[in-house]
Protein backbone atom coordinates (compact mmCIF):
# COMPACT_ATOMS: atom_id res chain seq x y z
CA MET A 1 12.30 260.56 200.48
CA ALA A 2 13.16 257.00 201.48
CA GLY A 3 11.56 256.01 204.72
CA MET A 4 12.39 253.72 207.60
CA GLN A 5 9.96 253.61 210.49
CA HIS A 6 11.68 254.67 213.69
CA ARG A 7 11.62 253.01 217.08
CA ALA A 8 9.50 254.68 219.71
CA ASP A 9 12.20 254.46 222.39
CA HIS A 10 14.18 257.41 220.97
CA ALA A 11 12.29 260.69 221.01
CA ALA A 12 14.86 262.12 218.59
CA ILE A 13 18.44 261.70 217.37
CA GLY A 14 21.15 264.35 217.60
CA LEU A 15 23.93 264.96 215.08
CA ALA A 16 26.63 267.28 216.40
CA GLY A 17 30.14 268.31 215.49
CA PRO A 18 32.44 271.30 215.15
CA THR A 19 32.03 273.77 212.32
CA ALA A 20 33.01 272.42 208.87
CA SER A 21 32.83 268.78 210.01
CA GLY A 22 30.24 267.79 207.40
CA LYS A 23 27.03 267.90 209.46
CA THR A 24 24.81 269.26 206.66
CA ALA A 25 25.88 266.61 204.15
CA ALA A 26 25.46 263.87 206.76
CA ALA A 27 22.00 265.14 207.76
CA LEU A 28 20.83 265.16 204.13
CA ALA A 29 22.17 261.63 203.64
CA ILE A 30 20.25 260.49 206.73
CA ALA A 31 17.14 262.16 205.31
CA GLN A 32 17.47 260.10 202.14
CA ARG A 33 17.45 256.93 204.22
CA HIS A 34 15.05 257.70 207.08
CA ASP A 35 11.79 259.61 207.39
CA VAL A 36 13.13 262.58 209.36
CA GLU A 37 12.58 266.29 209.83
CA ILE A 38 15.63 268.37 210.70
CA VAL A 39 15.69 270.68 213.71
CA SER A 40 18.60 273.11 213.51
CA VAL A 41 20.75 273.38 216.64
CA ASP A 42 22.64 276.47 215.54
CA SER A 43 22.47 279.90 217.15
CA ALA A 44 23.51 281.65 213.91
CA LEU A 45 21.10 279.94 211.49
CA VAL A 46 18.12 281.41 213.35
CA TYR A 47 18.84 284.83 211.78
CA ARG A 48 17.30 285.97 208.51
CA GLY A 49 19.58 287.70 206.02
CA MET A 50 22.69 286.02 207.39
CA ASP A 51 23.14 283.29 204.82
CA ILE A 52 26.70 283.30 203.49
CA GLY A 53 28.67 283.76 206.70
CA THR A 54 26.62 281.14 208.58
CA ALA A 55 26.99 278.52 205.81
CA LYS A 56 23.21 278.25 205.83
CA PRO A 57 21.92 275.30 203.81
CA SER A 58 21.03 276.31 200.27
CA ALA A 59 17.46 276.59 199.03
CA ALA A 60 17.92 273.28 197.20
CA GLU A 61 19.16 271.60 200.38
CA LEU A 62 16.33 273.06 202.46
CA ALA A 63 13.84 271.76 199.90
CA GLN A 64 15.04 268.15 200.25
CA VAL A 65 13.67 267.68 203.76
CA PRO A 66 11.64 269.81 206.21
CA HIS A 67 13.90 272.07 208.31
CA HIS A 68 13.03 273.95 211.49
CA LEU A 69 14.54 276.83 213.53
CA ILE A 70 16.18 278.44 210.50
CA ASP A 71 15.36 282.08 209.61
CA ILE A 72 13.09 282.54 212.64
CA ARG A 73 14.59 285.79 213.98
CA ASP A 74 15.58 289.18 212.63
CA PRO A 75 19.24 289.95 213.44
CA LEU A 76 17.99 292.65 215.81
CA GLN A 77 16.28 290.02 218.00
CA PRO A 78 18.06 287.78 220.51
CA TYR A 79 17.39 284.04 220.77
CA SER A 80 18.24 282.31 224.03
CA ALA A 81 19.04 278.73 224.98
CA ALA A 82 15.79 278.66 226.97
CA GLU A 83 13.84 279.67 223.86
CA PHE A 84 15.64 276.97 221.88
CA VAL A 85 14.75 274.29 224.43
CA ALA A 86 11.09 275.33 224.41
CA ASP A 87 10.98 275.38 220.60
CA ALA A 88 12.90 272.11 220.21
CA ARG A 89 10.75 270.22 222.69
CA ARG A 90 7.58 271.47 220.96
CA LEU A 91 8.95 270.50 217.54
CA ILE A 92 10.01 267.05 218.73
CA GLY A 93 6.43 266.38 219.80
CA GLU A 94 4.95 267.76 216.57
CA ILE A 95 7.35 265.81 214.32
CA ARG A 96 6.74 262.57 216.20
CA ALA A 97 2.99 263.15 215.94
CA ARG A 98 3.45 263.20 212.15
CA GLY A 99 5.09 259.78 212.37
CA ARG A 100 8.56 261.08 211.60
CA LEU A 101 11.85 261.11 213.48
CA PRO A 102 13.23 264.46 214.70
CA LEU A 103 16.90 264.83 213.70
CA LEU A 104 18.59 267.60 215.70
CA VAL A 105 21.60 268.88 213.76
CA GLY A 106 24.11 271.58 214.65
CA GLY A 107 27.14 272.83 216.48
CA THR A 108 25.75 275.10 219.21
CA MET A 109 26.75 272.88 222.11
CA LEU A 110 25.04 275.05 224.71
CA TYR A 111 21.73 274.22 223.03
CA PHE A 112 22.47 270.49 223.07
CA LYS A 113 23.54 270.68 226.71
CA ALA A 114 20.43 272.63 227.66
CA LEU A 115 18.17 270.13 225.90
CA LEU A 116 19.96 267.09 227.32
CA HIS A 117 20.57 268.25 230.88
CA GLY A 118 18.45 271.33 231.42
CA LEU A 119 19.50 274.93 232.00
CA ASP A 120 21.49 276.32 234.88
CA ASP A 121 19.16 278.17 237.21
CA MET A 122 20.71 281.57 236.52
CA PRO A 123 18.86 284.86 235.97
CA PRO A 124 17.54 285.75 232.51
CA ALA A 125 19.01 288.65 230.58
CA ASP A 126 18.23 292.05 232.06
CA PRO A 127 18.00 294.72 229.31
CA ALA A 128 18.68 297.57 231.74
CA VAL A 129 21.83 295.99 233.20
CA ARG A 130 22.96 294.99 229.73
CA ALA A 131 22.53 298.55 228.44
CA VAL A 132 24.66 299.90 231.31
CA LEU A 133 27.38 297.34 230.57
CA GLU A 134 27.36 298.17 226.85
CA ALA A 135 27.68 301.89 227.65
CA GLU A 136 30.61 301.19 229.98
CA ALA A 137 32.26 299.02 227.33
CA ARG A 138 31.95 301.75 224.71
CA HIS A 139 33.67 304.13 227.12
CA LYS A 140 36.36 301.85 228.58
CA GLY A 141 36.70 299.03 226.04
CA TRP A 142 36.18 295.29 226.51
CA PRO A 143 39.71 294.59 227.85
CA ALA A 144 38.90 296.91 230.78
CA MET A 145 35.59 295.11 231.29
CA HIS A 146 37.52 291.84 231.26
CA ALA A 147 39.78 293.23 233.98
CA GLU A 148 36.71 294.08 236.06
CA LEU A 149 35.44 290.54 235.57
CA ALA A 150 38.79 289.20 236.76
CA ARG A 151 38.25 291.04 240.05
CA VAL A 152 34.73 289.71 240.71
CA ASP A 153 34.81 286.33 238.91
CA PRO A 154 38.42 285.29 238.32
CA ALA A 155 37.53 281.72 237.27
CA THR A 156 35.33 282.88 234.41
CA ALA A 157 37.72 285.66 233.39
CA ALA A 158 40.60 283.19 233.18
CA ARG A 159 38.88 281.21 230.42
CA LEU A 160 37.71 284.22 228.37
CA ALA A 161 39.72 286.32 225.94
CA PRO A 162 39.82 290.07 226.76
CA LYS A 163 37.80 290.86 223.62
CA ASP A 164 35.17 288.12 224.05
CA SER A 165 32.52 290.77 224.56
CA GLN A 166 29.46 288.52 224.54
CA ARG A 167 30.65 286.20 227.30
CA ILE A 168 32.28 288.96 229.37
CA GLN A 169 29.05 290.92 229.26
CA ARG A 170 26.95 287.94 230.34
CA ALA A 171 29.29 287.07 233.23
CA LEU A 172 29.29 290.68 234.48
CA GLU A 173 25.51 290.86 234.03
CA VAL A 174 24.98 287.75 236.17
CA HIS A 175 27.33 289.07 238.85
CA ARG A 176 25.66 292.49 238.99
CA ILE A 177 22.18 290.93 239.22
CA THR A 178 23.00 288.22 241.78
CA GLY A 179 26.31 289.16 243.36
CA ARG A 180 27.51 285.63 242.51
CA PRO A 181 30.13 284.50 239.98
CA LEU A 182 29.00 282.60 236.89
CA ALA A 183 30.92 279.48 237.92
CA GLU A 184 28.61 278.97 240.90
CA PHE A 185 25.65 278.53 238.58
CA HIS A 186 27.54 276.09 236.37
CA THR A 187 28.13 273.84 239.35
CA SER A 188 24.59 274.12 240.71
CA ARG A 189 21.77 271.73 239.91
CA SER A 190 20.52 272.22 236.39
CA ILE A 191 16.88 272.56 235.56
CA ALA A 192 14.93 272.58 232.31
CA PRO A 193 12.34 275.29 231.62
CA ASP A 194 9.48 272.95 232.52
CA GLY A 195 11.35 271.07 235.24
CA ASP A 196 12.32 268.21 232.91
CA SER A 197 15.09 267.42 230.44
CA THR A 198 15.55 265.20 227.40
CA PRO A 199 17.90 262.49 228.71
CA GLY A 200 17.16 259.86 226.05
CA LEU A 201 18.60 261.74 223.09
CA PRO A 202 21.36 259.69 221.40
CA LEU A 203 24.03 261.99 220.03
CA VAL A 204 26.12 261.10 216.97
CA SER A 205 29.24 263.28 217.02
CA LEU A 206 31.42 264.10 214.01
CA GLU A 207 34.93 264.75 215.36
CA PRO A 208 38.28 264.96 213.54
CA ALA A 209 41.03 262.50 214.39
CA ASP A 210 43.47 264.96 212.79
CA ARG A 211 42.86 268.62 213.69
CA ALA A 212 44.82 269.71 210.57
CA TRP A 213 42.10 268.16 208.39
CA LEU A 214 39.48 270.35 210.07
CA HIS A 215 41.68 273.44 209.79
CA ALA A 216 41.99 272.87 206.04
CA ARG A 217 38.21 272.50 205.74
CA ILE A 218 37.68 275.70 207.71
CA ALA A 219 40.02 277.63 205.40
CA GLN A 220 38.36 276.22 202.28
CA ARG A 221 34.91 277.12 203.56
CA PHE A 222 35.90 280.65 204.56
CA ASP A 223 37.43 281.20 201.13
CA ALA A 224 34.18 279.99 199.56
CA MET A 225 32.21 282.45 201.72
CA LEU A 226 34.43 285.33 200.62
CA ALA A 227 34.01 284.33 196.98
CA ALA A 228 30.23 284.15 197.45
CA GLY A 229 30.05 287.77 198.60
CA PHE A 230 30.27 287.58 202.38
CA VAL A 231 31.67 291.12 202.76
CA ASP A 232 28.79 292.52 200.73
CA GLU A 233 26.36 290.59 202.94
CA VAL A 234 27.82 292.31 206.01
CA ARG A 235 27.76 295.69 204.25
CA GLY A 236 24.07 295.14 203.57
CA LEU A 237 23.40 294.39 207.23
CA ARG A 238 25.30 297.52 208.28
CA ALA A 239 23.35 299.59 205.77
CA ARG A 240 20.10 298.82 207.61
CA GLY A 241 21.17 301.32 210.24
CA ASP A 242 19.53 299.55 213.21
CA LEU A 243 22.16 296.87 213.85
CA HIS A 244 25.35 297.26 215.86
CA ALA A 245 28.42 295.22 216.73
CA ASP A 246 27.26 294.26 220.24
CA LEU A 247 24.17 292.36 219.12
CA PRO A 248 24.39 288.55 219.50
CA SER A 249 23.78 288.17 215.75
CA MET A 250 26.69 290.44 214.85
CA ARG A 251 28.97 288.65 217.30
CA CYS A 252 28.76 285.47 215.22
CA VAL A 253 32.13 284.27 213.97
CA GLY A 254 33.07 286.01 210.73
CA TYR A 255 30.46 288.74 211.10
CA ARG A 256 32.23 290.23 214.10
CA GLN A 257 35.57 290.32 212.29
CA ALA A 258 34.08 291.78 209.10
CA TRP A 259 32.13 294.41 211.05
CA GLU A 260 35.24 295.52 212.96
CA LEU A 261 37.31 295.79 209.79
CA LEU A 262 34.57 297.77 208.04
CA ASP A 263 34.47 300.08 211.08
CA ALA A 264 38.22 300.60 210.83
CA GLN A 265 38.33 300.99 207.05
CA ALA A 266 39.18 304.49 205.89
CA SER A 267 37.04 305.83 203.07
CA ALA A 268 38.39 305.32 199.56
CA THR A 269 40.78 302.60 200.73
CA PRO A 270 40.46 298.99 199.56
CA PHE A 271 38.81 296.60 202.00
CA PRO A 272 41.52 294.47 203.72
CA ILE A 273 40.21 291.13 202.45
CA GLU A 274 43.38 289.22 203.38
CA ARG A 275 43.17 290.55 206.93
CA LEU A 276 39.54 289.40 207.16
CA ARG A 277 40.54 285.99 205.83
CA GLU A 278 43.27 285.70 208.45
CA CYS A 279 41.07 286.87 211.35
CA GLY A 280 38.02 284.93 210.22
CA ILE A 281 39.85 281.63 209.85
CA ALA A 282 41.57 282.09 213.23
CA ALA A 283 38.24 282.86 214.94
CA THR A 284 36.59 279.86 213.29
CA ARG A 285 39.41 277.60 214.48
CA GLN A 286 38.86 278.87 218.01
CA LEU A 287 35.14 278.18 217.68
CA ALA A 288 35.86 274.63 216.52
CA LYS A 289 38.21 274.12 219.47
CA ARG A 290 35.48 275.22 221.90
CA GLN A 291 32.93 272.97 220.20
CA ILE A 292 35.21 269.94 220.47
CA THR A 293 35.85 270.72 224.15
CA TRP A 294 32.10 270.79 224.76
CA LEU A 295 31.63 267.51 222.90
CA ARG A 296 34.29 265.80 224.98
CA SER A 297 32.27 266.66 228.08
CA MET A 298 29.38 264.57 226.70
CA PRO A 299 30.41 260.98 227.45
CA GLN A 300 27.23 259.51 225.98
CA ARG A 301 28.04 260.67 222.44
CA LEU A 302 28.66 258.20 219.59
CA ILE A 303 31.87 259.36 217.89
CA VAL A 304 32.38 259.18 214.12
CA PRO A 305 35.77 260.43 212.83
CA CYS A 306 34.69 263.06 210.30
CA ASP A 307 38.05 262.91 208.49
CA HIS A 308 37.77 259.17 207.82
CA PRO A 309 37.14 258.30 204.14
CA ASP A 310 34.04 256.31 205.18
CA ALA A 311 32.72 258.93 207.60
CA LEU A 312 29.35 259.27 205.88
CA ALA A 313 28.81 255.51 205.78
CA ARG A 314 29.73 255.29 209.46
CA VAL A 315 27.21 258.01 210.36
CA LEU A 316 24.50 256.15 208.46
CA ASP A 317 25.46 252.92 210.20
CA GLN A 318 25.18 254.57 213.62
CA VAL A 319 21.76 255.97 212.76
CA ASP A 320 20.63 252.64 211.32
CA GLN A 321 21.46 251.04 214.65
CA LEU A 322 19.40 253.65 216.49
CA VAL A 323 16.26 253.16 214.41
CA ALA A 324 14.38 249.97 213.59
CA PRO A 325 14.45 249.14 209.86
CA ARG A 326 10.93 247.78 209.77
CA THR A 327 10.12 249.07 206.30
CA ARG A 328 11.87 250.73 203.42
CA ALA A 329 10.03 252.79 200.87
């Protein structure tokens, strides 16, 4: 690995962007130029056995540079933003102690926000309340739960789709625990788990100038996942017998759509692969739209147009400016 010593005034560097924007390739290029270790900022990559549908870096890519926070949870286990912040802050210290630069790479914007600005002081997940909500949802359906949310927290309900089970459940959970709508916590003072945040993290952001370019990339990548055996990967997860559709892991984009179609598939009928392709690409586009919206709320970010022919060179230039090129190996 080529090495440039890094300046001490940046504890780490972030590389963010929507799905399919080229973050993995850019991170590996940075690793060829600077002495970094990569910390994944991705809520799906934490899960073992979920490789194809998460576009997890290949074994060869993982071998090029040390990676962290990948394959650290079984799909049965949750992983919260608070846990990410604690793990990331610990890893930043450990990587810096080894004389290397932590490079935080991913598209889970909640994790970046939590690390940069701290966490909203809202209650942690309550398994008992969550179990009650899941039972109600199985009986009434998520659109009915969304309607209930609209009565108690209309602001949050207005920005959620009626089938966005994960976010509807969390908003209802917070309301039932505190009697307050989720929006009140988002406007309250944020705190980090240890009373501090990581304000000095420069964030390089890969963003498309032309949304159609990103949409084409999303379609190409989903097709590649299908060709690589994504449906069989989901079948294997279902065959375990202990996973279900309401787990955070199975709500990941692509997995949710495949699980629902497998649920609906009649025996001895062909799997509706074209329907999965249609639903999966649409859901991934929606994810990318949310990610870009989050990024636009981060004014400190350093934007690199990911659809520019020289995007990779521009990312490297941004990173070069953030680190001091004292030595090259």
